[in-house]
C-alpha atoms as a PDB file:
ATOM      1  CA  MET A   1     -43.512-141.550  72.634  1.00  0.00           C
ATOM      2  CA  ARG A   2     -44.606-139.197  69.716  1.00  0.00           C
ATOM      3  CA  SER A   3     -47.104-135.912  70.036  1.00  0.00           C
ATOM      4  CA  ASN A   4     -48.271-133.943  67.615  1.00  0.00           C
ATOM      5  CA  ASP A   5     -45.327-131.450  68.130  1.00  0.00           C
ATOM      6  CA  GLY A   6     -42.950-133.774  67.505  1.00  0.00           C
ATOM      7  CA  MET A   7     -40.917-137.959  68.199  1.00  0.00           C
ATOM      8  CA  THR A   8     -39.310-138.330  71.438  1.00  0.00           C
ATOM      9  CA  LEU A   9     -37.807-142.145  71.311  1.00  0.00           C
ATOM     10  CA  ALA A  10     -37.510-142.486  75.344  1.00  0.00           C
ATOM     11  CA  LEU A  11     -37.910-145.692  77.060  1.00  0.00           C
ATOM     12  CA  PRO A  12     -40.769-145.989  79.406  1.00  0.00           C
ATOM     13  CA  ARG A  13     -39.693-145.742  82.949  1.00  0.00           C
ATOM     14  CA  PRO A  14     -42.040-147.611  85.217  1.00  0.00           C
ATOM     15  CA  GLY A  15     -42.619-146.317  88.985  1.00  0.00           C
ATOM     16  CA  LYS A  16     -42.293-148.145  91.710  1.00  0.00           C
ATOM     17  CA  ALA A  17     -45.970-149.731  92.323  1.00  0.00           C
ATOM     18  CA  LEU A  18     -45.526-151.010  88.387  1.00  0.00           C
ATOM     19  CA  ARG A  19     -42.181-152.275  88.290  1.00  0.00           C
ATOM     20  CA  GLY A  20     -43.237-154.237  91.705  1.00  0.00           C
ATOM     21  CA  VAL A  21     -46.146-155.906  89.652  1.00  0.00           C
ATOM     22  CA  MET A  22     -43.914-156.795  86.895  1.00  0.00           C
ATOM     23  CA  ILE A  23     -41.170-158.333  89.237  1.00  0.00           C
ATOM     24  CA  ALA A  24     -44.207-160.340  91.012  1.00  0.00           C
ATOM     25  CA  VAL A  25     -45.724-161.417  88.278  1.00  0.00           C
ATOM     26  CA  PHE A  26     -42.403-163.003  86.494  1.00  0.00           C
ATOM     27  CA  VAL A  27     -40.886-164.463  89.671  1.00  0.00           C
ATOM     28  CA  LEU A  28     -44.458-165.756  89.993  1.00  0.00           C
ATOM     29  CA  TRP A  29     -44.276-167.185  86.463  1.00  0.00           C
ATOM     30  CA  LEU A  30     -40.299-168.620  86.788  1.00  0.00           C
ATOM     31  CA  ILE A  31     -41.195-170.637  90.205  1.00  0.00           C
ATOM     32  CA  TYR A  32     -43.864-172.249  88.286  1.00  0.00           C
ATOM     33  CA  ALA A  33     -42.178-172.679  84.769  1.00  0.00           C
ATOM     34  CA  ILE A  34     -38.785-174.170  86.903  1.00  0.00           C
ATOM     35  CA  GLY A  35     -41.300-176.241  89.231  1.00  0.00           C
ATOM     36  CA  LEU A  36     -43.474-177.768  86.360  1.00  0.00           C
ATOM     37  CA  ASN A  37     -41.248-178.290  83.311  1.00  0.00           C
ATOM     38  CA  TRP A  38     -37.758-179.411  85.533  1.00  0.00           C
ATOM     39  CA  GLY A  39     -38.945-179.525  89.242  1.00  0.00           C
ATOM     40  CA  GLY A  40     -41.407-182.569  88.462  1.00  0.00           C
ATOM     41  CA  ALA A  41     -44.267-180.773  90.051  1.00  0.00           C
ATOM     42  CA  ALA A  42     -47.474-181.702  89.551  1.00  0.00           C
ATOM     43  CA  ASP A  43     -50.334-179.460  87.461  1.00  0.00           C
ATOM     44  CA  SER A  44     -52.401-178.861  90.750  1.00  0.00           C
ATOM     45  CA  VAL A  45     -50.110-176.940  92.043  1.00  0.00           C
ATOM     46  CA  PHE A  46     -50.600-174.384  89.563  1.00  0.00           C
ATOM     47  CA  PHE A  47     -54.020-174.822  89.212  1.00  0.00           C
ATOM     48  CA  VAL A  48     -55.063-174.291  92.979  1.00  0.00           C
ATOM     49  CA  LEU A  49     -54.563-170.905  92.458  1.00  0.00           C
ATOM     50  CA  ALA A  50     -55.991-170.316  88.865  1.00  0.00           C
ATOM     51  CA  GLY A  51     -59.799-168.796  89.050  1.00  0.00           C
ATOM     52  CA  SER A  52     -62.544-171.032  88.810  1.00  0.00           C
ATOM     53  CA  THR A  53     -66.156-170.112  88.412  1.00  0.00           C
ATOM     54  CA  GLU A  54     -67.074-173.482  90.308  1.00  0.00           C
ATOM     55  CA  ARG A  55     -64.538-173.570  93.251  1.00  0.00           C
ATOM     56  CA  ILE A  56     -64.864-169.983  93.673  1.00  0.00           C
ATOM     57  CA  LEU A  57     -69.064-170.547  94.279  1.00  0.00           C
ATOM     58  CA  HIS A  58     -67.832-173.139  96.616  1.00  0.00           C
ATOM     59  CA  GLY A  59     -65.731-170.525  98.762  1.00  0.00           C
ATOM     60  CA  GLU A  60     -62.659-170.713  97.129  1.00  0.00           C
ATOM     61  CA  VAL A  61     -62.773-166.786  96.604  1.00  0.00           C
ATOM     62  CA  TRP A  62     -59.106-166.055  96.576  1.00  0.00           C
ATOM     63  CA  ARG A  63     -59.072-167.584  93.459  1.00  0.00           C
ATOM     64  CA  LEU A  64     -60.141-163.873  92.073  1.00  0.00           C
ATOM     65  CA  VAL A  65     -57.047-162.640  93.554  1.00  0.00           C
ATOM     66  CA  THR A  66     -54.471-164.869  92.711  1.00  0.00           C
ATOM     67  CA  ALA A  67     -56.092-165.619  89.340  1.00  0.00           C
ATOM     68  CA  PRO A  68     -54.527-162.416  87.646  1.00  0.00           C
ATOM     69  CA  LEU A  69     -50.894-163.023  88.595  1.00  0.00           C
ATOM     70  CA  LEU A  70     -50.844-166.238  87.207  1.00  0.00           C
ATOM     71  CA  HIS A  71     -49.529-166.966  83.485  1.00  0.00           C
ATOM     72  CA  TYR A  72     -49.055-169.998  81.527  1.00  0.00           C
ATOM     73  CA  PRO A  73     -45.731-171.747  82.531  1.00  0.00           C
ATOM     74  CA  VAL A  74     -45.190-174.874  79.650  1.00  0.00           C
ATOM     75  CA  GLY A  75     -43.906-174.219  76.511  1.00  0.00           C
ATOM     76  CA  GLY A  76     -43.631-171.385  73.627  1.00  0.00           C
ATOM     77  CA  ALA A  77     -47.495-170.390  74.531  1.00  0.00           C
ATOM     78  CA  GLY A  78     -46.234-170.035  78.453  1.00  0.00           C
ATOM     79  CA  VAL A  79     -43.291-168.087  77.115  1.00  0.00           C
ATOM     80  CA  SER A  80     -45.898-165.761  74.983  1.00  0.00           C
ATOM     81  CA  HIS A  81     -48.454-165.364  77.758  1.00  0.00           C
ATOM     82  CA  ILE A  82     -45.875-163.775  79.916  1.00  0.00           C
ATOM     83  CA  ILE A  83     -43.846-161.620  77.608  1.00  0.00           C
ATOM     84  CA  THR A  84     -46.984-160.246  76.532  1.00  0.00           C
ATOM     85  CA  ALA A  85     -48.035-159.349  80.013  1.00  0.00           C
ATOM     86  CA  LEU A  86     -44.636-157.741  80.692  1.00  0.00           C
ATOM     87  CA  LEU A  87     -44.803-155.918  77.092  1.00  0.00           C
ATOM     88  CA  GLY A  88     -48.603-154.802  77.720  1.00  0.00           C
ATOM     89  CA  LEU A  89     -47.634-152.935  81.369  1.00  0.00           C
ATOM     90  CA  TYR A  90     -44.095-152.097  79.772  1.00  0.00           C
ATOM     91  CA  PHE A  91     -45.478-149.419  77.190  1.00  0.00           C
ATOM     92  CA  PHE A  92     -48.806-148.442  78.226  1.00  0.00           C
ATOM     93  CA  ALA A  93     -48.884-148.340  82.118  1.00  0.00           C
ATOM     94  CA  PRO A  94     -46.175-145.806  82.945  1.00  0.00           C
ATOM     95  CA  ARG A  95     -47.604-142.818  81.452  1.00  0.00           C
ATOM     96  CA  LEU A  96     -50.794-143.615  83.289  1.00  0.00           C
ATOM     97  CA  GLU A  97     -49.119-144.336  86.615  1.00  0.00           C
ATOM     98  CA  GLU A  98     -46.963-140.989  86.222  1.00  0.00           C
ATOM     99  CA  LEU A  99     -50.529-139.348  85.911  1.00  0.00           C
ATOM    100  CA  TRP A 100     -52.672-140.705  88.623  1.00  0.00           C
ATOM    101  CA  GLY A 101     -49.816-141.907  91.020  1.00  0.00           C
ATOM    102  CA  PRO A 102     -49.117-145.709  92.481  1.00  0.00           C
ATOM    103  CA  LYS A 103     -52.250-145.932  94.985  1.00  0.00           C
ATOM    104  CA  ARG A 104     -54.587-145.107  91.570  1.00  0.00           C
ATOM    105  CA  MET A 105     -52.753-147.249  89.387  1.00  0.00           C
ATOM    106  CA  LEU A 106     -52.519-150.019  91.608  1.00  0.00           C
ATOM    107  CA  ARG A 107     -56.400-149.774  92.525  1.00  0.00           C
ATOM    108  CA  PHE A 108     -57.151-149.756  88.736  1.00  0.00           C
ATOM    109  CA  MET A 109     -55.334-152.866  87.592  1.00  0.00           C
ATOM    110  CA  ALA A 110     -56.893-154.567  90.749  1.00  0.00           C
ATOM    111  CA  LEU A 111     -60.375-153.668  90.123  1.00  0.00           C
ATOM    112  CA  SER A 112     -60.128-154.253  86.426  1.00  0.00           C
ATOM    113  CA  CYS A 113     -59.383-157.666  86.906  1.00  0.00           C
ATOM    114  CA  LEU A 114     -62.025-157.958  89.811  1.00  0.00           C
ATOM    115  CA  ILE A 115     -64.620-156.769  87.738  1.00  0.00           C
ATOM    116  CA  ALA A 116     -63.460-158.382  84.466  1.00  0.00           C
ATOM    117  CA  TYR A 117     -63.609-161.850  86.050  1.00  0.00           C
ATOM    118  CA  VAL A 118     -66.671-161.405  87.944  1.00  0.00           C
ATOM    119  CA  LEU A 119     -68.773-160.466  84.844  1.00  0.00           C
ATOM    120  CA  GLN A 120     -67.391-163.611  82.979  1.00  0.00           C
ATOM    121  CA  MET A 121     -68.527-165.686  85.847  1.00  0.00           C
ATOM    122  CA  LEU A 122     -72.328-164.088  85.975  1.00  0.00           C
ATOM    123  CA  VAL A 123     -72.191-164.642  82.009  1.00  0.00           C
ATOM    124  CA  GLU A 124     -71.070-168.104  81.903  1.00  0.00           C
ATOM    125  CA  LEU A 125     -73.595-169.125  85.212  1.00  0.00           C
ATOM    126  CA  LEU A 126     -76.477-167.551  82.833  1.00  0.00           C
ATOM    127  CA  LEU A 127     -75.384-169.078  79.425  1.00  0.00           C
ATOM    128  CA  PRO A 128     -76.336-172.416  78.901  1.00  0.00           C
ATOM    129  CA  SER A 129     -73.235-174.937  79.653  1.00  0.00           C
ATOM    130  CA  SER A 130     -72.551-175.979  75.926  1.00  0.00           C
ATOM    131  CA  VAL A 131     -72.278-172.111  74.900  1.00  0.00           C
ATOM    132  CA  ALA A 132     -70.363-171.261  78.309  1.00  0.00           C
ATOM    133  CA  GLU A 133     -67.591-173.850  78.037  1.00  0.00           C
ATOM    134  CA  ARG A 134     -66.422-172.774  74.660  1.00  0.00           C
ATOM    135  CA  LEU A 135     -66.180-169.209  76.163  1.00  0.00           C
ATOM    136  CA  VAL A 136     -64.688-169.932  79.536  1.00  0.00           C
ATOM    137  CA  GLY A 137     -62.462-172.477  80.272  1.00  0.00           C
ATOM    138  CA  GLU A 138     -62.320-175.008  83.475  1.00  0.00           C
ATOM    139  CA  TYR A 139     -59.451-172.480  84.634  1.00  0.00           C
ATOM    140  CA  TRP A 140     -58.863-168.867  83.953  1.00  0.00           C
ATOM    141  CA  PHE A 141     -55.980-166.875  84.445  1.00  0.00           C
ATOM    142  CA  GLY A 142     -53.938-164.138  83.650  1.00  0.00           C
ATOM    143  CA  LEU A 143     -53.866-160.250  83.300  1.00  0.00           C
ATOM    144  CA  SER A 144     -55.135-159.605  79.760  1.00  0.00           C
ATOM    145  CA  PRO A 145     -58.250-158.185  81.541  1.00  0.00           C
ATOM    146  CA  ALA A 146     -56.086-155.499  83.267  1.00  0.00           C
ATOM    147  CA  LEU A 147     -53.853-155.027  79.579  1.00  0.00           C
ATOM    148  CA  GLY A 148     -57.336-154.168  78.111  1.00  0.00           C
ATOM    149  CA  ALA A 149     -58.108-151.607  80.539  1.00  0.00           C
ATOM    150  CA  ILE A 150     -54.720-150.098  80.397  1.00  0.00           C
ATOM    151  CA  ALA A 151     -54.655-149.657  76.476  1.00  0.00           C
ATOM    152  CA  ILE A 152     -58.035-147.991  76.856  1.00  0.00           C
ATOM    153  CA  ALA A 153     -57.618-145.877  79.392  1.00  0.00           C
ATOM    154  CA  TRP A 154     -54.086-144.935  77.937  1.00  0.00           C
ATOM    155  CA  ALA A 155     -56.114-143.861  74.558  1.00  0.00           C
ATOM    156  CA  LEU A 156     -58.845-142.090  76.023  1.00  0.00           C
ATOM    157  CA  THR A 157     -56.597-140.034  78.252  1.00  0.00           C
ATOM    158  CA  PHE A 158     -53.628-139.283  75.840  1.00  0.00           C
ATOM    159  CA  LYS A 159     -56.023-138.672  72.760  1.00  0.00           C
ATOM    160  CA  ASN A 160     -53.326-136.747  70.742  1.00  0.00           C
ATOM    161  CA  GLN A 161     -50.231-138.900  71.247  1.00  0.00           C
ATOM    162  CA  VAL A 162     -48.653-141.733  69.300  1.00  0.00           C
ATOM    163  CA  VAL A 163     -47.231-144.688  71.423  1.00  0.00           C
ATOM    164  CA  GLN A 164     -44.058-146.116  69.473  1.00  0.00           C
ATOM    165  CA  LEU A 165     -45.258-149.521  70.167  1.00  0.00           C
ATOM    166  CA  PHE A 166     -41.819-152.212  70.370  1.00  0.00           C
ATOM    167  CA  PHE A 167     -39.790-149.042  69.907  1.00  0.00           C
ATOM    168  CA  VAL A 168     -41.033-149.358  65.390  1.00  0.00           C
ATOM    169  CA  ILE A 169     -44.952-149.413  64.579  1.00  0.00           C
ATOM    170  CA  PRO A 170     -46.815-145.967  65.801  1.00  0.00           C
ATOM    171  CA  VAL A 171     -50.392-146.547  67.027  1.00  0.00           C
ATOM    172  CA  SER A 172     -52.628-143.582  67.926  1.00  0.00           C
ATOM    173  CA  SER A 173     -54.962-143.407  70.390  1.00  0.00           C
ATOM    174  CA  ARG A 174     -57.727-144.132  67.805  1.00  0.00           C
ATOM    175  CA  MET A 175     -56.277-147.316  66.055  1.00  0.00           C
ATOM    176  CA  LEU A 176     -55.040-148.454  69.493  1.00  0.00           C
ATOM    177  CA  ILE A 177     -58.847-148.623  70.745  1.00  0.00           C
ATOM    178  CA  ILE A 178     -59.847-150.384  67.312  1.00  0.00           C
ATOM    179  CA  TRP A 179     -56.609-152.794  67.355  1.00  0.00           C
ATOM    180  CA  VAL A 180     -57.894-153.809  70.908  1.00  0.00           C
ATOM    181  CA  VAL A 181     -61.292-154.278  70.291  1.00  0.00           C
ATOM    182  CA  GLY A 182     -60.844-155.701  67.028  1.00  0.00           C
ATOM    183  CA  LEU A 183     -58.614-158.201  68.394  1.00  0.00           C
ATOM    184  CA  GLY A 184     -61.441-159.177  71.408  1.00  0.00           C
ATOM    185  CA  LEU A 185     -63.658-159.775  68.968  1.00  0.00           C
ATOM    186  CA  LEU A 186     -61.457-161.779  66.717  1.00  0.00           C
ATOM    187  CA  TYR A 187     -60.862-164.371  69.110  1.00  0.00           C
ATOM    188  CA  LEU A 188     -64.570-164.650  69.825  1.00  0.00           C
ATOM    189  CA  VAL A 189     -65.332-165.375  66.154  1.00  0.00           C
ATOM    190  CA  ALA A 190     -62.773-167.874  65.821  1.00  0.00           C
ATOM    191  CA  GLY A 191     -63.434-169.383  68.850  1.00  0.00           C
ATOM    192  CA  ALA A 192     -59.943-169.133  70.021  1.00  0.00           C
ATOM    193  CA  ARG A 193     -60.270-169.103  73.591  1.00  0.00           C
ATOM    194  CA  PRO A 194     -57.230-167.414  75.441  1.00  0.00           C
ATOM    195  CA  HIS A 195     -56.101-168.700  79.274  1.00  0.00           C
ATOM    196  CA  GLU A 196     -58.047-165.678  80.560  1.00  0.00           C
ATOM    197  CA  GLY A 197     -61.323-166.966  78.376  1.00  0.00           C
ATOM    198  CA  LEU A 198     -63.537-164.892  75.624  1.00  0.00           C
ATOM    199  CA  ILE A 199     -65.661-162.766  78.074  1.00  0.00           C
ATOM    200  CA  SER A 200     -63.194-160.890  80.942  1.00  0.00           C
ATOM    201  CA  PRO A 201     -61.012-158.895  78.210  1.00  0.00           C
ATOM    202  CA  PHE A 202     -64.381-157.369  77.293  1.00  0.00           C
ATOM    203  CA  GLY A 203     -65.145-156.698  81.072  1.00  0.00           C
ATOM    204  CA  GLY A 204     -61.428-155.355  81.046  1.00  0.00           C
ATOM    205  CA  MET A 205     -61.792-152.867  78.203  1.00  0.00           C
ATOM    206  CA  LEU A 206     -65.198-151.619  80.106  1.00  0.00           C
ATOM    207  CA  CYS A 207     -63.438-150.881  83.101  1.00  0.00           C
ATOM    208  CA  GLY A 208     -60.698-148.681  81.486  1.00  0.00           C
ATOM    209  CA  TRP A 209     -63.247-146.837  80.117  1.00  0.00           C
ATOM    210  CA  LEU A 210     -65.614-146.546  83.379  1.00  0.00           C
ATOM    211  CA  LEU A 211     -62.670-146.169  85.599  1.00  0.00           C
ATOM    212  CA  GLY A 212     -59.714-144.720  83.663  1.00  0.00           C
ATOM    213  CA  GLY A 213     -61.266-142.937  80.636  1.00  0.00           C
ATOM    214  CA  GLY A 214     -60.360-139.244  82.109  1.00  0.00           C
ATOM    215  CA  SER A 215     -59.458-137.665  85.559  1.00  0.00           C
ATOM    216  CA  PRO A 216     -62.152-137.698  87.013  1.00  0.00           C
ATOM    217  CA  SER A 217     -63.312-140.674  85.431  1.00  0.00           C
ATOM    218  CA  PRO A 218     -66.658-141.575  83.942  1.00  0.00           C
ATOM    219  CA  LEU A 219     -68.046-143.335  87.033  1.00  0.00           C
ATOM    220  CA  ARG A 220     -66.713-140.831  89.119  1.00  0.00           C
ATOM    221  CA  LYS A 221     -68.620-137.949  86.959  1.00  0.00           C
ATOM    222  CA  ALA A 222     -71.767-140.025  87.203  1.00  0.00           C
ATOM    223  CA  TRP A 223     -71.518-140.556  91.134  1.00  0.00           C
ATOM    224  CA  LEU A 224     -70.479-136.653  91.721  1.00  0.00           C
ATOM    225  CA  LYS A 225     -73.518-135.908  89.425  1.00  0.00           C
ATOM    226  CA  LEU A 226     -76.200-137.888  91.096  1.00  0.00           C
ATOM    227  CA  ARG A 227     -74.378-136.975  94.788  1.00  0.00           C
ATOM    228  CA  LEU A 228     -75.209-133.332  93.648  1.00  0.00           C
ATOM    229  CA  ALA A 229     -78.751-134.444  92.517  1.00  0.00           C
ATOM    230  CA  MET A 230     -79.319-136.151  96.336  1.00  0.00           C
ATOM    231  CA  LEU A 231     -78.222-132.847  97.663  1.00  0.00           C
ATOM    232  CA  ASP A 232     -80.254-130.401  95.680  1.00  0.00           C
ATOM    233  CA  SER A 233     -83.069-132.893  96.508  1.00  0.00           C
ATOM    234  CA  GLU A 234     -82.490-132.805  99.983  1.00  0.00           C
ATOM    235  CA  ALA A 235     -82.008-128.808 100.434  1.00  0.00           C
ATOM    236  CA  ARG A 236     -85.290-128.501  98.442  1.00  0.00           C
ATOM    237  CA  ARG A 237     -87.428-130.684 100.954  1.00  0.00           C
ATOM    238  CA  GLU A 238     -85.591-128.823 103.989  1.00  0.00           C
ATOM    239  CA  GLY A 239     -87.068-125.567 102.763  1.00  0.00           C
ATOM    240  CA  GLN A 240     -90.412-127.001 102.236  1.00  0.00           C
ATOM    241  CA  ARG A 241     -90.576-128.428 105.448  1.00  0.00           C
ATOM    242  CA  LYS A 242     -89.332-125.052 107.378  1.00  0.00           C
ATOM    243  CA  LYS A 243     -92.438-122.742 108.420  1.00  0.00           C
ATOM    244  CA  PRO A 244     -92.263-119.347 109.797  1.00  0.00           C
ATOM    245  CA  ARG A 245     -91.275-119.445 113.564  1.00  0.00           C
ATOM    246  CA  PRO A 246     -94.627-118.949 116.112  1.00  0.00           C
ATOM    247  CA  ASN A 247     -94.012-115.738 118.415  1.00  0.00           C
ATOM    248  CA  PRO A 248     -96.563-116.000 121.304  1.00  0.00           C
ATOM    249  CA  GLY A 249     -95.493-112.926 122.735  1.00  0.00           C
ATOM    250  CA  GLY A 250     -95.854-110.478 120.483  1.00  0.00           C
ATOM    251  CA  LEU A 251     -92.327-109.171 120.462  1.00  0.00           C
ATOM    252  CA  ARG A 252     -90.983-107.757 117.205  1.00  0.00           C
ATOM    253  CA  VAL A 253     -87.417-105.984 116.117  1.00  0.00           C
ATOM    254  CA  ILE A 254     -87.761-102.273 116.522  1.00  0.00           C
ATOM    255  CA  PRO A 255     -85.511-100.856 113.923  1.00  0.00           C
ATOM    256  CA  GLY A 256     -82.685 -98.826 115.867  1.00  0.00           C
ATOM    257  CA  GLY A 257     -79.867 -96.743 115.492  1.00  0.00           C
ATOM    258  CA  ARG A 258     -80.336 -92.768 115.916  1.00  0.00           C
ATOM    259  CA  SER A 259     -80.171 -89.678 113.532  1.00  0.00           C
ATOM    260  CA  ASP A 260     -78.935 -86.548 113.638  1.00  0.00           C
ATOM    261  CA  ASP A 261     -82.318 -84.875 113.835  1.00  0.00           C
ATOM    262  CA  ASP A 262     -83.174 -87.479 117.310  1.00  0.00           C
ATOM    263  CA  ASP A 263     -83.530 -85.835 120.153  1.00  0.00           C
ATOM    264  CA  ASP A 264     -81.014 -86.303 123.199  1.00  0.00           C
ATOM    265  CA  ASP A 265     -83.968 -87.890 125.232  1.00  0.00           C
ATOM    266  CA  GLY A 266     -83.443 -91.549 123.959  1.00  0.00           C
ATOM    267  CA  ARG A 267     -86.421 -91.982 122.059  1.00  0.00           C
ATOM    268  CA  GLY A 268     -85.990 -93.701 118.270  1.00  0.00           C
ATOM    269  CA  PRO A 269     -87.668 -92.807 115.016  1.00  0.00           C
ATOM    270  CA  ASP A 270     -91.190 -93.785 116.359  1.00  0.00           C
ATOM    271  CA  GLY A 271     -90.951 -91.880 119.534  1.00  0.00           C
ATOM    272  CA  ARG A 272     -90.403 -95.032 121.438  1.00  0.00           C
ATOM    273  CA  TRP A 273     -87.630 -95.047 124.331  1.00  0.00           C
ATOM    274  CA  LEU A 274     -84.898 -97.518 123.153  1.00  0.00           C
ATOM    275  CA  ASN A 275     -83.349 -99.869 125.904  1.00  0.00           C
END
C-alpha cells in the first residue's frame, strides 16, 4: 500500500475469516476441476450448486448460498476465473477485514452476493426473455459481486491511499472506482456475459456503497436518521396527549422551609401551621 505520506511495499495479510473463505473457494474449485477434467464426473454435479433463476423459483433456494462459492473449473477460462477471485480478495479485502473485524467482513461479503444475485433475478424476470437471456445465463455463479463490492468499499473507505495492484500497478481509490464501473459497462456493451451474469456485478457495486462506504455505512446512517425521526415524532405525540392531572380534593403544595424571621410556633410564611 502507499499513502500520501509515502510508500510501503508490504504483502497483504488476510485474517482468519478471509483466509478461510479463500481456502474454501479454492478447495471447492480444485475438487470440481479434478473431478470434471480427470475423474469423468458429469457436468450436472457442478451445476447442482450453481445459481439458476428458474430452479430457485421452484424451491431450490440453497443455490443462492452455494453459487458465490463456485468458479468455472474447466480450461484456461477456469484458471482465470479462480485466480481473479483469489487475487481480488487478497489485495483489497485484508484492510477492510482489519478495520471492520471478521464478522462484519463475512456478513458484508455474504449480503453483497445475496443482494446482487437476487437483484439480477428480479431484472431477469422483468425483462423480455429475448433480452434477459443475453444478460443472464441459465446458470450463474462466482464471487464477482463480492469482489465489486469489496473494491468499491475499499475505495470509499481509504480515499487517500493507493494500492500497488500486483505489486506493480499503482491504483488510486478514484481510479479503482472508475476501473470497476467502467469494466462492468464494457462487458455490458460488448455483450460479453461472464459466469456471474451481466447484472450481478452492478448489484455488488451498489452493495459496496450502501453497506461498506464508511463506518457507519450509508445504509446504516439512513436507518439511524429514520429511527431518530420516528422517536422524535413519538415523543411529540406523547407530549400532545399529556393533560393536567385532576385535583378533586383541592389539595395544593404549600411552600415549605423556614426563615430566620419565622416565629417558633411552627407556622409557615403564610401564617398556617406546618405539618
